[in-house]
Amino acid sequence: MRFLKKLKGEFYRLVKVFADGGYRGELIDDVKNNLNFLLEVVLITDKEEKFKILPKRWIVERTFSWFESYRRLSKDFEYHTKISEVIVQLAMLKLMLNRLEK
């Protein structure tokens, strides 16, 4: 809830937040009532026998796989979270610049 409150302060246009299956229950109602966000939980169904890409979840998984190529992000080396945040921003900046170059 603290993280979502911080998002509300920084991203005023934010309307929908996607979450993993572990974030079910009363959190959905708390987010709707207190922050006026729509919290959508993406779940894996047991009915599927084959691999199926879940909506929106692949974006997060793909981004994490991009981070694996940056040694500094492979483990939590930083003492302060702000430094880790800056390292993630620098990694994304490098990825975007590489795409512009092509």
PDB file of N, CA and C in Angstrom:
ATOM      1  N   MET A   1       0.826  -1.191   0.000  1.00  0.00           N
ATOM      2  CA  MET A   1       0.000   0.000   0.000  1.00  0.00           C
ATOM      3  C   MET A   1       0.872   1.257   0.000  1.00  0.00           C
ATOM      4  N   ARG A   2       2.008   1.210   0.729  1.00  0.00           N
ATOM      5  CA  ARG A   2       2.905   2.373   0.754  1.00  0.00           C
ATOM      6  C   ARG A   2       3.463   2.663  -0.636  1.00  0.00           C
ATOM      7  N   PHE A   3       3.810   1.599  -1.353  1.00  0.00           N
ATOM      8  CA  PHE A   3       4.341   1.767  -2.705  1.00  0.00           C
ATOM      9  C   PHE A   3       3.298   2.399  -3.621  1.00  0.00           C
ATOM     10  N   LEU A   4       2.073   1.938  -3.532  1.00  0.00           N
ATOM     11  CA  LEU A   4       1.014   2.481  -4.378  1.00  0.00           C
ATOM     12  C   LEU A   4       0.698   3.930  -4.026  1.00  0.00           C
ATOM     13  N   LYS A   5       0.799   4.283  -2.745  1.00  0.00           N
ATOM     14  CA  LYS A   5       0.603   5.683  -2.353  1.00  0.00           C
ATOM     15  C   LYS A   5       1.683   6.564  -2.957  1.00  0.00           C
ATOM     16  N   LYS A   6       2.909   6.049  -3.014  1.00  0.00           N
ATOM     17  CA  LYS A   6       4.004   6.809  -3.631  1.00  0.00           C
ATOM     18  C   LYS A   6       3.752   6.978  -5.133  1.00  0.00           C
ATOM     19  N   LEU A   7       3.245   5.922  -5.776  1.00  0.00           N
ATOM     20  CA  LEU A   7       2.903   6.020  -7.197  1.00  0.00           C
ATOM     21  C   LEU A   7       1.836   7.080  -7.440  1.00  0.00           C
ATOM     22  N   LYS A   8       0.855   7.112  -6.555  1.00  0.00           N
ATOM     23  CA  LYS A   8      -0.236   8.087  -6.694  1.00  0.00           C
ATOM     24  C   LYS A   8       0.312   9.508  -6.680  1.00  0.00           C
ATOM     25  N   GLY A   9       1.318   9.761  -5.821  1.00  0.00           N
ATOM     26  CA  GLY A   9       1.909  11.091  -5.732  1.00  0.00           C
ATOM     27  C   GLY A   9       2.734  11.472  -6.948  1.00  0.00           C
ATOM     28  N   GLU A  10       3.399  10.486  -7.560  1.00  0.00           N
ATOM     29  CA  GLU A  10       4.287  10.788  -8.678  1.00  0.00           C
ATOM     30  C   GLU A  10       3.610  10.679 -10.041  1.00  0.00           C
ATOM     31  N   PHE A  11       2.659   9.793 -10.185  1.00  0.00           N
ATOM     32  CA  PHE A  11       2.001   9.560 -11.475  1.00  0.00           C
ATOM     33  C   PHE A  11       0.509   9.827 -11.329  1.00  0.00           C
ATOM     34  N   TYR A  12       0.134  11.063 -11.438  1.00  0.00           N
ATOM     35  CA  TYR A  12      -1.250  11.468 -11.186  1.00  0.00           C
ATOM     36  C   TYR A  12      -2.226  10.930 -12.223  1.00  0.00           C
ATOM     37  N   ARG A  13      -1.738  10.542 -13.402  1.00  0.00           N
ATOM     38  CA  ARG A  13      -2.629  10.019 -14.446  1.00  0.00           C
ATOM     39  C   ARG A  13      -2.815   8.510 -14.366  1.00  0.00           C
ATOM     40  N   LEU A  14      -2.163   7.868 -13.424  1.00  0.00           N
ATOM     41  CA  LEU A  14      -2.236   6.419 -13.287  1.00  0.00           C
ATOM     42  C   LEU A  14      -3.651   5.991 -12.921  1.00  0.00           C
ATOM     43  N   VAL A  15      -4.174   5.013 -13.657  1.00  0.00           N
ATOM     44  CA  VAL A  15      -5.544   4.563 -13.443  1.00  0.00           C
ATOM     45  C   VAL A  15      -5.585   3.081 -13.073  1.00  0.00           C
ATOM     46  N   LYS A  16      -4.765   2.261 -13.737  1.00  0.00           N
ATOM     47  CA  LYS A  16      -4.817   0.815 -13.548  1.00  0.00           C
ATOM     48  C   LYS A  16      -3.437   0.295 -13.171  1.00  0.00           C
ATOM     49  N   VAL A  17      -3.421  -0.637 -12.212  1.00  0.00           N
ATOM     50  CA  VAL A  17      -2.192  -1.276 -11.764  1.00  0.00           C
ATOM     51  C   VAL A  17      -2.377  -2.777 -11.913  1.00  0.00           C
ATOM     52  N   PHE A  18      -1.396  -3.450 -12.533  1.00  0.00           N
ATOM     53  CA  PHE A  18      -1.443  -4.897 -12.675  1.00  0.00           C
ATOM     54  C   PHE A  18      -0.625  -5.528 -11.566  1.00  0.00           C
ATOM     55  N   ALA A  19      -1.131  -6.648 -11.024  1.00  0.00           N
ATOM     56  CA  ALA A  19      -0.451  -7.317  -9.924  1.00  0.00           C
ATOM     57  C   ALA A  19      -0.445  -8.824 -10.152  1.00  0.00           C
ATOM     58  N   ASP A  20       0.454  -9.496  -9.456  1.00  0.00           N
ATOM     59  CA  ASP A  20       0.579 -10.941  -9.488  1.00  0.00           C
ATOM     60  C   ASP A  20      -0.535 -11.551  -8.640  1.00  0.00           C
ATOM     61  N   GLY A  21      -0.714 -12.845  -8.749  1.00  0.00           N
ATOM     62  CA  GLY A  21      -1.770 -13.535  -8.024  1.00  0.00           C
ATOM     63  C   GLY A  21      -1.661 -13.457  -6.515  1.00  0.00           C
ATOM     64  N   GLY A  22      -0.484 -13.149  -5.987  1.00  0.00           N
ATOM     65  CA  GLY A  22      -0.306 -13.052  -4.550  1.00  0.00           C
ATOM     66  C   GLY A  22      -0.955 -11.824  -3.938  1.00  0.00           C
ATOM     67  N   TYR A  23      -1.392 -10.903  -4.753  1.00  0.00           N
ATOM     68  CA  TYR A  23      -1.965  -9.651  -4.262  1.00  0.00           C
ATOM     69  C   TYR A  23      -3.479  -9.641  -4.373  1.00  0.00           C
ATOM     70  N   ARG A  24      -4.092 -10.741  -4.045  1.00  0.00           N
ATOM     71  CA  ARG A  24      -5.550 -10.812  -4.064  1.00  0.00           C
ATOM     72  C   ARG A  24      -6.103 -10.473  -2.691  1.00  0.00           C
ATOM     73  N   GLY A  25      -7.396 -10.465  -2.570  1.00  0.00           N
ATOM     74  CA  GLY A  25      -8.022 -10.262  -1.273  1.00  0.00           C
ATOM     75  C   GLY A  25      -8.420  -8.820  -1.050  1.00  0.00           C
ATOM     76  N   GLU A  26      -8.267  -8.376   0.176  1.00  0.00           N
ATOM     77  CA  GLU A  26      -8.752  -7.046   0.550  1.00  0.00           C
ATOM     78  C   GLU A  26      -7.903  -5.923  -0.021  1.00  0.00           C
ATOM     79  N   LEU A  27      -6.716  -6.226  -0.517  1.00  0.00           N
ATOM     80  CA  LEU A  27      -5.885  -5.179  -1.118  1.00  0.00           C
ATOM     81  C   LEU A  27      -6.581  -4.539  -2.309  1.00  0.00           C
ATOM     82  N   ILE A  28      -7.287  -5.325  -3.084  1.00  0.00           N
ATOM     83  CA  ILE A  28      -7.990  -4.799  -4.256  1.00  0.00           C
ATOM     84  C   ILE A  28      -9.003  -3.740  -3.833  1.00  0.00           C
ATOM     85  N   ASP A  29      -9.766  -4.046  -2.792  1.00  0.00           N
ATOM     86  CA  ASP A  29     -10.762  -3.075  -2.303  1.00  0.00           C
ATOM     87  C   ASP A  29     -10.095  -1.863  -1.667  1.00  0.00           C
ATOM     88  N   ASP A  30      -9.003  -2.092  -0.917  1.00  0.00           N
ATOM     89  CA  ASP A  30      -8.289  -0.977  -0.283  1.00  0.00           C
ATOM     90  C   ASP A  30      -7.747  -0.006  -1.321  1.00  0.00           C
ATOM     91  N   VAL A  31      -7.183  -0.556  -2.391  1.00  0.00           N
ATOM     92  CA  VAL A  31      -6.626   0.298  -3.444  1.00  0.00           C
ATOM     93  C   VAL A  31      -7.735   1.078  -4.133  1.00  0.00           C
ATOM     94  N   LYS A  32      -8.854   0.433  -4.405  1.00  0.00           N
ATOM     95  CA  LYS A  32      -9.977   1.105  -5.072  1.00  0.00           C
ATOM     96  C   LYS A  32     -10.556   2.209  -4.194  1.00  0.00           C
ATOM     97  N   ASN A  33     -10.754   1.927  -2.911  1.00  0.00           N
ATOM     98  CA  ASN A  33     -11.392   2.900  -2.020  1.00  0.00           C
ATOM     99  C   ASN A  33     -10.466   4.036  -1.609  1.00  0.00           C
ATOM    100  N   ASN A  34      -9.217   3.735  -1.320  1.00  0.00           N
ATOM    101  CA  ASN A  34      -8.300   4.754  -0.792  1.00  0.00           C
ATOM    102  C   ASN A  34      -7.542   5.528  -1.865  1.00  0.00           C
ATOM    103  N   LEU A  35      -7.153   4.842  -2.949  1.00  0.00           N
ATOM    104  CA  LEU A  35      -6.314   5.482  -3.958  1.00  0.00           C
ATOM    105  C   LEU A  35      -7.014   5.715  -5.285  1.00  0.00           C
ATOM    106  N   ASN A  36      -8.195   5.140  -5.451  1.00  0.00           N
ATOM    107  CA  ASN A  36      -8.971   5.276  -6.680  1.00  0.00           C
ATOM    108  C   ASN A  36      -8.235   4.688  -7.891  1.00  0.00           C
ATOM    109  N   PHE A  37      -7.499   3.593  -7.667  1.00  0.00           N
ATOM    110  CA  PHE A  37      -6.863   2.827  -8.737  1.00  0.00           C
ATOM    111  C   PHE A  37      -7.682   1.573  -8.982  1.00  0.00           C
ATOM    112  N   LEU A  38      -7.546   1.023 -10.176  1.00  0.00           N
ATOM    113  CA  LEU A  38      -8.104  -0.280 -10.470  1.00  0.00           C
ATOM    114  C   LEU A  38      -6.944  -1.268 -10.407  1.00  0.00           C
ATOM    115  N   LEU A  39      -6.966  -2.186  -9.448  1.00  0.00           N
ATOM    116  CA  LEU A  39      -5.919  -3.193  -9.292  1.00  0.00           C
ATOM    117  C   LEU A  39      -6.385  -4.460  -9.983  1.00  0.00           C
ATOM    118  N   GLU A  40      -5.723  -4.817 -11.072  1.00  0.00           N
ATOM    119  CA  GLU A  40      -6.101  -6.005 -11.834  1.00  0.00           C
ATOM    120  C   GLU A  40      -5.070  -7.090 -11.582  1.00  0.00           C
ATOM    121  N   VAL A  41      -5.531  -8.236 -11.084  1.00  0.00           N
ATOM    122  CA  VAL A  41      -4.657  -9.351 -10.756  1.00  0.00           C
ATOM    123  C   VAL A  41      -4.615 -10.298 -11.944  1.00  0.00           C
ATOM    124  N   VAL A  42      -3.403 -10.628 -12.394  1.00  0.00           N
ATOM    125  CA  VAL A  42      -3.203 -11.544 -13.513  1.00  0.00           C
ATOM    126  C   VAL A  42      -2.895 -12.914 -12.925  1.00  0.00           C
ATOM    127  N   LEU A  43      -3.756 -13.901 -13.201  1.00  0.00           N
ATOM    128  CA  LEU A  43      -3.635 -15.228 -12.606  1.00  0.00           C
ATOM    129  C   LEU A  43      -3.298 -16.286 -13.651  1.00  0.00           C
ATOM    130  N   ILE A  44      -2.624 -17.326 -13.190  1.00  0.00           N
ATOM    131  CA  ILE A  44      -2.364 -18.503 -14.014  1.00  0.00           C
ATOM    132  C   ILE A  44      -3.523 -19.463 -13.783  1.00  0.00           C
ATOM    133  N   THR A  45      -4.072 -20.006 -14.858  1.00  0.00           N
ATOM    134  CA  THR A  45      -5.166 -20.965 -14.704  1.00  0.00           C
ATOM    135  C   THR A  45      -4.595 -22.378 -14.708  1.00  0.00           C
ATOM    136  N   ASP A  46      -5.168 -23.240 -13.880  1.00  0.00           N
ATOM    137  CA  ASP A  46      -4.724 -24.636 -13.815  1.00  0.00           C
ATOM    138  C   ASP A  46      -5.250 -25.452 -14.987  1.00  0.00           C
ATOM    139  N   LYS A  47      -6.207 -24.909 -15.716  1.00  0.00           N
ATOM    140  CA  LYS A  47      -6.812 -25.628 -16.827  1.00  0.00           C
ATOM    141  C   LYS A  47      -5.868 -25.754 -18.015  1.00  0.00           C
ATOM    142  N   GLU A  48      -4.951 -24.787 -18.161  1.00  0.00           N
ATOM    143  CA  GLU A  48      -4.030 -24.786 -19.291  1.00  0.00           C
ATOM    144  C   GLU A  48      -2.912 -25.794 -19.058  1.00  0.00           C
ATOM    145  N   GLU A  49      -2.735 -26.720 -20.000  1.00  0.00           N
ATOM    146  CA  GLU A  49      -1.656 -27.694 -19.903  1.00  0.00           C
ATOM    147  C   GLU A  49      -0.408 -27.196 -20.615  1.00  0.00           C
ATOM    148  N   LYS A  50      -0.583 -26.377 -21.622  1.00  0.00           N
ATOM    149  CA  LYS A  50       0.547 -25.842 -22.370  1.00  0.00           C
ATOM    150  C   LYS A  50       0.916 -24.467 -21.839  1.00  0.00           C
ATOM    151  N   PHE A  51       2.121 -24.040 -22.185  1.00  0.00           N
ATOM    152  CA  PHE A  51       2.574 -22.708 -21.794  1.00  0.00           C
ATOM    153  C   PHE A  51       1.714 -21.658 -22.482  1.00  0.00           C
ATOM    154  N   LYS A  52       1.296 -20.679 -21.722  1.00  0.00           N
ATOM    155  CA  LYS A  52       0.480 -19.609 -22.272  1.00  0.00           C
ATOM    156  C   LYS A  52       0.997 -18.285 -21.726  1.00  0.00           C
ATOM    157  N   ILE A  53       1.181 -17.328 -22.596  1.00  0.00           N
ATOM    158  CA  ILE A  53       1.637 -16.009 -22.173  1.00  0.00           C
ATOM    159  C   ILE A  53       0.473 -15.291 -21.502  1.00  0.00           C
ATOM    160  N   LEU A  54       0.725 -14.810 -20.295  1.00  0.00           N
ATOM    161  CA  LEU A  54      -0.310 -14.085 -19.568  1.00  0.00           C
ATOM    162  C   LEU A  54      -0.305 -12.625 -19.998  1.00  0.00           C
ATOM    163  N   PRO A  55      -1.463 -12.009 -20.103  1.00  0.00           N
ATOM    164  CA  PRO A  55      -1.516 -10.616 -20.551  1.00  0.00           C
ATOM    165  C   PRO A  55      -0.775  -9.700 -19.578  1.00  0.00           C
ATOM    166  N   LYS A  56       0.009  -8.794 -20.131  1.00  0.00           N
ATOM    167  CA  LYS A  56       0.783  -7.778 -19.404  1.00  0.00           C
ATOM    168  C   LYS A  56       1.942  -8.348 -18.603  1.00  0.00           C
ATOM    169  N   ARG A  57       1.857  -9.596 -18.168  1.00  0.00           N
ATOM    170  CA  ARG A  57       2.924 -10.160 -17.354  1.00  0.00           C
ATOM    171  C   ARG A  57       4.203 -10.350 -18.159  1.00  0.00           C
ATOM    172  N   TRP A  58       4.091 -10.663 -19.431  1.00  0.00           N
ATOM    173  CA  TRP A  58       5.278 -10.880 -20.252  1.00  0.00           C
ATOM    174  C   TRP A  58       6.114  -9.617 -20.362  1.00  0.00           C
ATOM    175  N   ILE A  59       5.506  -8.448 -20.250  1.00  0.00           N
ATOM    176  CA  ILE A  59       6.254  -7.189 -20.321  1.00  0.00           C
ATOM    177  C   ILE A  59       7.221  -7.100 -19.153  1.00  0.00           C
ATOM    178  N   VAL A  60       6.763  -7.463 -17.980  1.00  0.00           N
ATOM    179  CA  VAL A  60       7.621  -7.429 -16.796  1.00  0.00           C
ATOM    180  C   VAL A  60       8.708  -8.482 -16.901  1.00  0.00           C
ATOM    181  N   GLU A  61       8.354  -9.698 -17.304  1.00  0.00           N
ATOM    182  CA  GLU A  61       9.329 -10.776 -17.419  1.00  0.00           C
ATOM    183  C   GLU A  61      10.396 -10.432 -18.455  1.00  0.00           C
ATOM    184  N   ARG A  62       9.999  -9.840 -19.573  1.00  0.00           N
ATOM    185  CA  ARG A  62      10.948  -9.452 -20.606  1.00  0.00           C
ATOM    186  C   ARG A  62      11.906  -8.388 -20.088  1.00  0.00           C
ATOM    187  N   THR A  63      11.384  -7.419 -19.351  1.00  0.00           N
ATOM    188  CA  THR A  63      12.226  -6.351 -18.816  1.00  0.00           C
ATOM    189  C   THR A  63      13.231  -6.900 -17.817  1.00  0.00           C
ATOM    190  N   PHE A  64      12.799  -7.816 -16.956  1.00  0.00           N
ATOM    191  CA  PHE A  64      13.734  -8.435 -16.012  1.00  0.00           C
ATOM    192  C   PHE A  64      14.816  -9.215 -16.747  1.00  0.00           C
ATOM    193  N   SER A  65      14.468  -9.853 -17.847  1.00  0.00           N
ATOM    194  CA  SER A  65      15.493 -10.577 -18.606  1.00  0.00           C
ATOM    195  C   SER A  65      16.494  -9.611 -19.231  1.00  0.00           C
ATOM    196  N   TRP A  66      16.060  -8.416 -19.622  1.00  0.00           N
ATOM    197  CA  TRP A  66      17.000  -7.420 -20.125  1.00  0.00           C
ATOM    198  C   TRP A  66      17.981  -7.004 -19.032  1.00  0.00           C
ATOM    199  N   PHE A  67      17.488  -6.910 -17.799  1.00  0.00           N
ATOM    200  CA  PHE A  67      18.348  -6.497 -16.693  1.00  0.00           C
ATOM    201  C   PHE A  67      19.429  -7.516 -16.375  1.00  0.00           C
ATOM    202  N   GLU A  68      19.230  -8.779 -16.753  1.00  0.00           N
ATOM    203  CA  GLU A  68      20.210  -9.813 -16.457  1.00  0.00           C
ATOM    204  C   GLU A  68      21.540  -9.552 -17.130  1.00  0.00           C
ATOM    205  N   SER A  69      21.551  -8.794 -18.200  1.00  0.00           N
ATOM    206  CA  SER A  69      22.811  -8.520 -18.889  1.00  0.00           C
ATOM    207  C   SER A  69      23.626  -7.419 -18.206  1.00  0.00           C
ATOM    208  N   TYR A  70      23.098  -6.821 -17.147  1.00  0.00           N
ATOM    209  CA  TYR A  70      23.813  -5.790 -16.392  1.00  0.00           C
ATOM    210  C   TYR A  70      24.256  -6.382 -15.059  1.00  0.00           C
ATOM    211  N   ARG A  71      25.571  -6.553 -14.911  1.00  0.00           N
ATOM    212  CA  ARG A  71      26.127  -7.203 -13.738  1.00  0.00           C
ATOM    213  C   ARG A  71      25.695  -6.522 -12.441  1.00  0.00           C
ATOM    214  N   ARG A  72      25.636  -5.222 -12.456  1.00  0.00           N
ATOM    215  CA  ARG A  72      25.308  -4.461 -11.255  1.00  0.00           C
ATOM    216  C   ARG A  72      23.880  -4.729 -10.782  1.00  0.00           C
ATOM    217  N   LEU A  73      23.016  -5.181 -11.704  1.00  0.00           N
ATOM    218  CA  LEU A  73      21.627  -5.472 -11.337  1.00  0.00           C
ATOM    219  C   LEU A  73      21.395  -6.956 -11.054  1.00  0.00           C
ATOM    220  N   SER A  74      22.424  -7.791 -11.227  1.00  0.00           N
ATOM    221  CA  SER A  74      22.230  -9.225 -11.024  1.00  0.00           C
ATOM    222  C   SER A  74      22.058  -9.584  -9.554  1.00  0.00           C
ATOM    223  N   LYS A  75      22.641  -8.785  -8.664  1.00  0.00           N
ATOM    224  CA  LYS A  75      22.480  -8.981  -7.221  1.00  0.00           C
ATOM    225  C   LYS A  75      22.225  -7.631  -6.589  1.00  0.00           C
ATOM    226  N   ASP A  76      21.800  -7.663  -5.358  1.00  0.00           N
ATOM    227  CA  ASP A  76      21.522  -6.417  -4.650  1.00  0.00           C
ATOM    228  C   ASP A  76      22.809  -5.935  -3.979  1.00  0.00           C
ATOM    229  N   PHE A  77      23.636  -5.203  -4.733  1.00  0.00           N
ATOM    230  CA  PHE A  77      24.915  -4.714  -4.218  1.00  0.00           C
ATOM    231  C   PHE A  77      24.764  -3.418  -3.429  1.00  0.00           C
ATOM    232  N   GLU A  78      23.752  -2.668  -3.712  1.00  0.00           N
ATOM    233  CA  GLU A  78      23.643  -1.300  -3.195  1.00  0.00           C
ATOM    234  C   GLU A  78      23.089  -1.269  -1.776  1.00  0.00           C
ATOM    235  N   TYR A  79      23.573  -0.338  -0.983  1.00  0.00           N
ATOM    236  CA  TYR A  79      23.099  -0.149   0.376  1.00  0.00           C
ATOM    237  C   TYR A  79      21.818   0.684   0.386  1.00  0.00           C
ATOM    238  N   HIS A  80      21.770   1.689  -0.473  1.00  0.00           N
ATOM    239  CA  HIS A  80      20.605   2.574  -0.545  1.00  0.00           C
ATOM    240  C   HIS A  80      19.746   2.209  -1.754  1.00  0.00           C
ATOM    241  N   THR A  81      18.440   2.197  -1.555  1.00  0.00           N
ATOM    242  CA  THR A  81      17.537   1.845  -2.642  1.00  0.00           C
ATOM    243  C   THR A  81      17.536   2.903  -3.744  1.00  0.00           C
ATOM    244  N   LYS A  82      17.820   4.134  -3.397  1.00  0.00           N
ATOM    245  CA  LYS A  82      17.845   5.203  -4.407  1.00  0.00           C
ATOM    246  C   LYS A  82      18.927   4.920  -5.456  1.00  0.00           C
ATOM    247  N   ILE A  83      20.065   4.383  -5.019  1.00  0.00           N
ATOM    248  CA  ILE A  83      21.139   4.047  -5.960  1.00  0.00           C
ATOM    249  C   ILE A  83      20.697   2.912  -6.872  1.00  0.00           C
ATOM    250  N   SER A  84      20.017   1.916  -6.317  1.00  0.00           N
ATOM    251  CA  SER A  84      19.499   0.822  -7.145  1.00  0.00           C
ATOM    252  C   SER A  84      18.507   1.345  -8.176  1.00  0.00           C
ATOM    253  N   GLU A  85      17.687   2.282  -7.775  1.00  0.00           N
ATOM    254  CA  GLU A  85      16.720   2.882  -8.696  1.00  0.00           C
ATOM    255  C   GLU A  85      17.427   3.602  -9.842  1.00  0.00           C
ATOM    256  N   VAL A  86      18.492   4.307  -9.521  1.00  0.00           N
ATOM    257  CA  VAL A  86      19.251   5.023 -10.553  1.00  0.00           C
ATOM    258  C   VAL A  86      19.923   4.037 -11.501  1.00  0.00           C
ATOM    259  N   ILE A  87      20.438   2.917 -10.975  1.00  0.00           N
ATOM    260  CA  ILE A  87      21.069   1.908 -11.831  1.00  0.00           C
ATOM    261  C   ILE A  87      20.044   1.326 -12.799  1.00  0.00           C
ATOM    262  N   VAL A  88      18.826   1.072 -12.336  1.00  0.00           N
ATOM    263  CA  VAL A  88      17.761   0.571 -13.216  1.00  0.00           C
ATOM    264  C   VAL A  88      17.436   1.607 -14.289  1.00  0.00           C
ATOM    265  N   GLN A  89      17.359   2.870 -13.907  1.00  0.00           N
ATOM    266  CA  GLN A  89      17.083   3.932 -14.881  1.00  0.00           C
ATOM    267  C   GLN A  89      18.204   4.032 -15.917  1.00  0.00           C
ATOM    268  N   LEU A  90      19.453   3.896 -15.488  1.00  0.00           N
ATOM    269  CA  LEU A  90      20.566   3.942 -16.430  1.00  0.00           C
ATOM    270  C   LEU A  90      20.532   2.754 -17.395  1.00  0.00           C
ATOM    271  N   ALA A  91      20.180   1.583 -16.885  1.00  0.00           N
ATOM    272  CA  ALA A  91      20.072   0.408 -17.748  1.00  0.00           C
ATOM    273  C   ALA A  91      18.981   0.609 -18.798  1.00  0.00           C
ATOM    274  N   MET A  92      17.831   1.143 -18.382  1.00  0.00           N
ATOM    275  CA  MET A  92      16.752   1.380 -19.337  1.00  0.00           C
ATOM    276  C   MET A  92      17.127   2.469 -20.336  1.00  0.00           C
ATOM    277  N   LEU A  93      17.843   3.471 -19.878  1.00  0.00           N
ATOM    278  CA  LEU A  93      18.309   4.532 -20.777  1.00  0.00           C
ATOM    279  C   LEU A  93      19.234   3.958 -21.847  1.00  0.00           C
ATOM    280  N   LYS A  94      20.143   3.074 -21.438  1.00  0.00           N
ATOM    281  CA  LYS A  94      21.048   2.446 -22.401  1.00  0.00           C
ATOM    282  C   LYS A  94      20.269   1.601 -23.413  1.00  0.00           C
ATOM    283  N   LEU A  95      19.264   0.857 -22.928  1.00  0.00           N
ATOM    284  CA  LEU A  95      18.442   0.045 -23.837  1.00  0.00           C
ATOM    285  C   LEU A  95      17.709   0.927 -24.844  1.00  0.00           C
ATOM    286  N   MET A  96      17.159   2.044 -24.386  1.00  0.00           N
ATOM    287  CA  MET A  96      16.432   2.933 -25.294  1.00  0.00           C
ATOM    288  C   MET A  96      17.372   3.588 -26.300  1.00  0.00           C
ATOM    289  N   LEU A  97      18.556   3.998 -25.849  1.00  0.00           N
ATOM    290  CA  LEU A  97      19.523   4.607 -26.772  1.00  0.00           C
ATOM    291  C   LEU A  97      19.990   3.610 -27.826  1.00  0.00           C
ATOM    292  N   ASN A  98      20.162   2.363 -27.425  1.00  0.00           N
ATOM    293  CA  ASN A  98      20.546   1.323 -28.394  1.00  0.00           C
ATOM    294  C   ASN A  98      19.471   1.140 -29.458  1.00  0.00           C
ATOM    295  N   ARG A  99      18.219   1.258 -29.081  1.00  0.00           N
ATOM    296  CA  ARG A  99      17.129   1.119 -30.056  1.00  0.00           C
ATOM    297  C   ARG A  99      17.062   2.315 -30.992  1.00  0.00           C
ATOM    298  N   LEU A 100      17.355   3.495 -30.475  1.00  0.00           N
ATOM    299  CA  LEU A 100      17.359   4.683 -31.332  1.00  0.00           C
ATOM    300  C   LEU A 100      18.498   4.635 -32.338  1.00  0.00           C
ATOM    301  N   GLU A 101      19.580   4.016 -31.947  1.00  0.00           N
ATOM    302  CA  GLU A 101      20.770   3.931 -32.793  1.00  0.00           C
ATOM    303  C   GLU A 101      20.523   3.071 -34.026  1.00  0.00           C
ATOM    304  N   LYS A 102      19.654   2.074 -33.918  1.00  0.00           N
ATOM    305  CA  LYS A 102      19.420   1.125 -35.011  1.00  0.00           C
ATOM    306  C   LYS A 102      18.588   1.707 -36.112  1.00  0.00           C
TER     307      LYS A 102
END
